[in-house]
């Protein structure tokens, strides 16, 4: 079963460029993963510090593997200091 994810995060303005560089690196590396179907990064028009990921993963196992990758773990360590708040992550399955 495919897993669909929307993740919303907000960078502290002081660290925006560093956070953005890290997120772009995550996109590059995640797209190389076999279970990754789609991995897109956006920022909102009204707030350049708010970022939204839209992801599609082949399976729960593929997503679990993704979450153990070094670049994801490194992001998790920096997130506490450089984000304004805890990211909101929605795991979904398509129903229509």
N, C-alpha and C. Protein backbone atom coordinates (compact mmCIF):
# COMPACT_ATOMS: atom_id res chain seq x y z
N UNK A 1 0.84 -1.18 0.00
CA UNK A 1 0.00 0.00 0.00
C UNK A 1 0.89 1.25 0.00
N UNK A 2 0.58 2.16 -0.87
CA UNK A 2 1.32 3.42 -0.93
C UNK A 2 1.00 4.29 0.29
N UNK A 3 2.01 5.05 0.72
CA UNK A 3 1.86 5.99 1.82
C UNK A 3 2.05 7.40 1.26
N UNK A 4 1.10 8.27 1.54
CA UNK A 4 1.15 9.66 1.12
C UNK A 4 1.44 10.51 2.35
N UNK A 5 2.33 11.47 2.22
CA UNK A 5 2.71 12.30 3.36
C UNK A 5 2.66 13.77 2.97
N UNK A 6 2.12 14.56 3.87
CA UNK A 6 2.27 16.01 3.82
C UNK A 6 2.95 16.40 5.13
N UNK A 7 4.05 17.09 5.02
CA UNK A 7 4.79 17.55 6.19
C UNK A 7 4.94 19.06 6.10
N UNK A 8 4.58 19.73 7.18
CA UNK A 8 4.61 21.19 7.22
C UNK A 8 5.57 21.61 8.31
N UNK A 9 6.51 22.48 7.95
CA UNK A 9 7.47 22.95 8.95
C UNK A 9 7.76 24.42 8.73
N UNK A 10 8.20 25.06 9.78
CA UNK A 10 8.46 26.49 9.72
C UNK A 10 9.85 26.78 10.28
N UNK A 11 10.71 27.31 9.43
CA UNK A 11 12.08 27.63 9.82
C UNK A 11 12.10 28.90 10.66
N UNK A 12 12.99 28.92 11.62
CA UNK A 12 13.29 30.16 12.32
C UNK A 12 13.94 31.07 11.27
N UNK A 13 13.48 32.31 11.15
CA UNK A 13 13.97 33.22 10.11
C UNK A 13 15.49 33.37 10.13
N UNK A 14 16.10 33.30 11.30
CA UNK A 14 17.56 33.43 11.40
C UNK A 14 18.29 32.28 10.71
N UNK A 15 17.62 31.14 10.59
CA UNK A 15 18.25 29.94 10.03
C UNK A 15 17.64 29.52 8.70
N UNK A 16 16.83 30.36 8.11
CA UNK A 16 16.10 29.96 6.91
C UNK A 16 17.00 29.38 5.83
N UNK A 17 18.08 30.06 5.49
CA UNK A 17 18.94 29.60 4.41
C UNK A 17 19.56 28.23 4.72
N UNK A 18 19.98 28.05 5.96
CA UNK A 18 20.55 26.77 6.36
C UNK A 18 19.50 25.66 6.32
N UNK A 19 18.31 25.97 6.81
CA UNK A 19 17.23 24.98 6.78
C UNK A 19 16.88 24.64 5.34
N UNK A 20 16.75 25.65 4.48
CA UNK A 20 16.42 25.40 3.08
C UNK A 20 17.48 24.52 2.42
N UNK A 21 18.74 24.80 2.65
CA UNK A 21 19.81 23.97 2.06
C UNK A 21 19.69 22.52 2.52
N UNK A 22 19.39 22.33 3.79
CA UNK A 22 19.22 20.98 4.32
C UNK A 22 18.02 20.29 3.69
N UNK A 23 16.92 21.02 3.55
CA UNK A 23 15.72 20.44 2.93
C UNK A 23 15.97 20.07 1.47
N UNK A 24 16.68 20.92 0.75
CA UNK A 24 16.99 20.62 -0.65
C UNK A 24 17.88 19.39 -0.77
N UNK A 25 18.80 19.24 0.17
CA UNK A 25 19.64 18.04 0.19
C UNK A 25 18.78 16.79 0.46
N UNK A 26 17.82 16.93 1.36
CA UNK A 26 16.91 15.82 1.63
C UNK A 26 16.14 15.42 0.37
N UNK A 27 15.71 16.40 -0.40
CA UNK A 27 14.99 16.11 -1.65
C UNK A 27 15.88 15.32 -2.59
N UNK A 28 17.09 15.81 -2.80
CA UNK A 28 18.02 15.13 -3.72
C UNK A 28 18.26 13.68 -3.31
N UNK A 29 18.52 13.47 -2.03
CA UNK A 29 18.84 12.13 -1.56
C UNK A 29 17.60 11.23 -1.52
N UNK A 30 16.48 11.77 -1.10
CA UNK A 30 15.26 10.97 -0.99
C UNK A 30 14.81 10.46 -2.34
N UNK A 31 14.94 11.29 -3.36
CA UNK A 31 14.52 10.87 -4.71
C UNK A 31 15.34 9.72 -5.26
N UNK A 32 16.48 9.44 -4.67
CA UNK A 32 17.32 8.31 -5.08
C UNK A 32 16.86 7.00 -4.47
N UNK A 33 16.04 7.07 -3.44
CA UNK A 33 15.60 5.87 -2.74
C UNK A 33 14.63 5.07 -3.61
N UNK A 34 14.79 3.76 -3.61
CA UNK A 34 13.97 2.89 -4.46
C UNK A 34 12.48 3.01 -4.16
N UNK A 35 12.11 3.20 -2.91
CA UNK A 35 10.69 3.25 -2.52
C UNK A 35 10.06 4.62 -2.73
N UNK A 36 10.85 5.61 -3.11
CA UNK A 36 10.34 6.97 -3.29
C UNK A 36 9.67 7.12 -4.65
N UNK A 37 8.40 7.45 -4.65
CA UNK A 37 7.66 7.70 -5.89
C UNK A 37 7.65 9.19 -6.19
N UNK A 38 7.46 10.00 -5.15
CA UNK A 38 7.43 11.45 -5.32
C UNK A 38 7.91 12.10 -4.03
N UNK A 39 8.69 13.18 -4.16
CA UNK A 39 9.21 13.89 -2.99
C UNK A 39 9.41 15.34 -3.40
N UNK A 40 8.42 16.16 -3.13
CA UNK A 40 8.43 17.56 -3.57
C UNK A 40 8.47 18.50 -2.38
N UNK A 41 9.18 19.59 -2.55
CA UNK A 41 9.30 20.61 -1.51
C UNK A 41 8.72 21.92 -2.03
N UNK A 42 7.93 22.58 -1.20
CA UNK A 42 7.31 23.86 -1.54
C UNK A 42 7.53 24.82 -0.38
N UNK A 43 7.39 26.11 -0.65
CA UNK A 43 7.24 27.06 0.45
C UNK A 43 5.98 27.87 0.17
N UNK A 44 5.35 28.34 1.23
CA UNK A 44 4.10 29.04 1.04
C UNK A 44 4.36 30.44 0.47
N UNK A 45 3.43 30.93 -0.30
CA UNK A 45 3.57 32.23 -0.96
C UNK A 45 3.61 33.35 0.07
N UNK A 46 2.85 33.22 1.14
CA UNK A 46 2.75 34.28 2.13
C UNK A 46 3.83 34.25 3.20
N UNK A 47 4.56 33.16 3.30
CA UNK A 47 5.58 33.04 4.34
C UNK A 47 6.72 32.18 3.82
N UNK A 48 7.81 32.82 3.46
CA UNK A 48 8.94 32.08 2.87
C UNK A 48 9.63 31.16 3.88
N UNK A 49 9.30 31.27 5.15
CA UNK A 49 9.89 30.41 6.16
C UNK A 49 9.08 29.13 6.39
N UNK A 50 7.91 29.04 5.77
CA UNK A 50 7.09 27.84 5.94
C UNK A 50 7.28 26.94 4.72
N UNK A 51 7.65 25.71 4.99
CA UNK A 51 7.93 24.73 3.94
C UNK A 51 6.95 23.57 4.05
N UNK A 52 6.61 23.01 2.90
CA UNK A 52 5.69 21.88 2.86
C UNK A 52 6.26 20.81 1.93
N UNK A 53 6.38 19.62 2.47
CA UNK A 53 6.77 18.46 1.67
C UNK A 53 5.50 17.72 1.26
N UNK A 54 5.50 17.22 0.03
CA UNK A 54 4.48 16.28 -0.41
C UNK A 54 5.24 15.06 -0.89
N UNK A 55 4.94 13.91 -0.30
CA UNK A 55 5.70 12.70 -0.58
C UNK A 55 4.75 11.54 -0.88
N UNK A 56 5.23 10.64 -1.73
CA UNK A 56 4.54 9.37 -1.95
C UNK A 56 5.60 8.28 -1.85
N UNK A 57 5.29 7.29 -1.02
CA UNK A 57 6.19 6.15 -0.80
C UNK A 57 5.52 4.87 -1.22
N UNK A 58 6.29 3.97 -1.78
CA UNK A 58 5.79 2.69 -2.28
C UNK A 58 5.14 1.86 -1.18
N UNK A 59 5.69 1.93 0.02
CA UNK A 59 5.20 1.07 1.11
C UNK A 59 5.61 1.63 2.46
N UNK A 60 5.02 1.09 3.50
CA UNK A 60 5.41 1.46 4.87
C UNK A 60 6.87 1.09 5.12
N UNK A 61 7.29 -0.07 4.63
CA UNK A 61 8.69 -0.49 4.82
C UNK A 61 9.65 0.49 4.15
N UNK A 62 9.30 0.96 2.96
CA UNK A 62 10.14 1.94 2.28
C UNK A 62 10.22 3.24 3.05
N UNK A 63 9.10 3.68 3.61
CA UNK A 63 9.09 4.91 4.41
C UNK A 63 9.89 4.71 5.69
N UNK A 64 9.75 3.56 6.33
CA UNK A 64 10.52 3.29 7.54
C UNK A 64 12.01 3.32 7.25
N UNK A 65 12.42 2.76 6.12
CA UNK A 65 13.82 2.79 5.72
C UNK A 65 14.27 4.24 5.48
N UNK A 66 13.45 5.01 4.82
CA UNK A 66 13.75 6.42 4.56
C UNK A 66 14.01 7.17 5.86
N UNK A 67 13.18 6.93 6.85
CA UNK A 67 13.30 7.64 8.12
C UNK A 67 14.55 7.29 8.91
N UNK A 68 15.27 6.26 8.48
CA UNK A 68 16.53 5.88 9.14
C UNK A 68 17.77 6.35 8.36
N UNK A 69 17.56 7.04 7.26
CA UNK A 69 18.70 7.51 6.46
C UNK A 69 19.45 8.60 7.21
N UNK A 70 20.78 8.67 7.04
CA UNK A 70 21.59 9.65 7.78
C UNK A 70 21.14 11.10 7.57
N UNK A 71 20.71 11.46 6.38
CA UNK A 71 20.31 12.84 6.13
C UNK A 71 18.98 13.18 6.79
N UNK A 72 18.13 12.20 7.01
CA UNK A 72 16.88 12.43 7.73
C UNK A 72 17.16 12.55 9.22
N UNK A 73 18.01 11.70 9.74
CA UNK A 73 18.38 11.76 11.15
C UNK A 73 19.11 13.07 11.47
N UNK A 74 19.96 13.54 10.54
CA UNK A 74 20.66 14.81 10.74
C UNK A 74 19.66 15.97 10.78
N UNK A 75 18.66 15.92 9.90
CA UNK A 75 17.64 16.97 9.91
C UNK A 75 16.88 16.97 11.24
N UNK A 76 16.54 15.80 11.73
CA UNK A 76 15.80 15.71 12.99
C UNK A 76 16.59 16.33 14.13
N UNK A 77 17.90 16.16 14.12
CA UNK A 77 18.73 16.74 15.18
C UNK A 77 18.76 18.27 15.09
N UNK A 78 18.80 18.82 13.89
CA UNK A 78 18.86 20.27 13.75
C UNK A 78 17.50 20.93 13.90
N UNK A 79 16.44 20.18 13.68
CA UNK A 79 15.08 20.75 13.68
C UNK A 79 14.72 21.42 15.00
N UNK A 80 15.11 20.81 16.09
CA UNK A 80 14.74 21.35 17.39
C UNK A 80 15.26 22.78 17.58
N UNK A 81 16.44 23.04 17.08
CA UNK A 81 17.06 24.35 17.26
C UNK A 81 16.68 25.35 16.17
N UNK A 82 16.45 24.89 14.96
CA UNK A 82 16.35 25.80 13.83
C UNK A 82 14.95 25.95 13.24
N UNK A 83 13.98 25.24 13.82
CA UNK A 83 12.60 25.41 13.40
C UNK A 83 11.84 26.16 14.48
N UNK A 84 10.80 26.87 14.08
CA UNK A 84 9.99 27.61 15.04
C UNK A 84 9.10 26.72 15.89
N UNK A 85 8.75 25.55 15.34
CA UNK A 85 7.84 24.65 16.04
C UNK A 85 8.06 23.24 15.52
N UNK A 86 7.49 22.29 16.22
CA UNK A 86 7.59 20.89 15.80
C UNK A 86 6.87 20.71 14.46
N UNK A 87 7.51 20.04 13.50
CA UNK A 87 6.83 19.82 12.21
C UNK A 87 5.52 19.05 12.38
N UNK A 88 4.56 19.38 11.53
CA UNK A 88 3.30 18.64 11.47
C UNK A 88 3.43 17.65 10.32
N UNK A 89 3.27 16.38 10.62
CA UNK A 89 3.44 15.34 9.61
C UNK A 89 2.16 14.52 9.54
N UNK A 90 1.60 14.45 8.34
CA UNK A 90 0.35 13.72 8.11
C UNK A 90 0.64 12.53 7.21
N UNK A 91 0.38 11.33 7.73
CA UNK A 91 0.49 10.09 6.94
C UNK A 91 -0.91 9.77 6.45
N UNK A 92 -1.03 9.55 5.15
CA UNK A 92 -2.36 9.37 4.56
C UNK A 92 -2.36 8.18 3.61
N UNK A 93 -3.56 7.69 3.35
CA UNK A 93 -3.75 6.76 2.25
C UNK A 93 -4.83 7.34 1.36
N UNK A 94 -4.67 7.12 0.10
CA UNK A 94 -5.60 7.68 -0.88
C UNK A 94 -6.93 6.91 -0.84
N UNK A 95 -8.02 7.65 -0.84
CA UNK A 95 -9.33 6.99 -0.82
C UNK A 95 -10.16 7.29 -2.07
N UNK A 96 -9.73 8.25 -2.86
CA UNK A 96 -10.46 8.52 -4.10
C UNK A 96 -9.53 9.11 -5.13
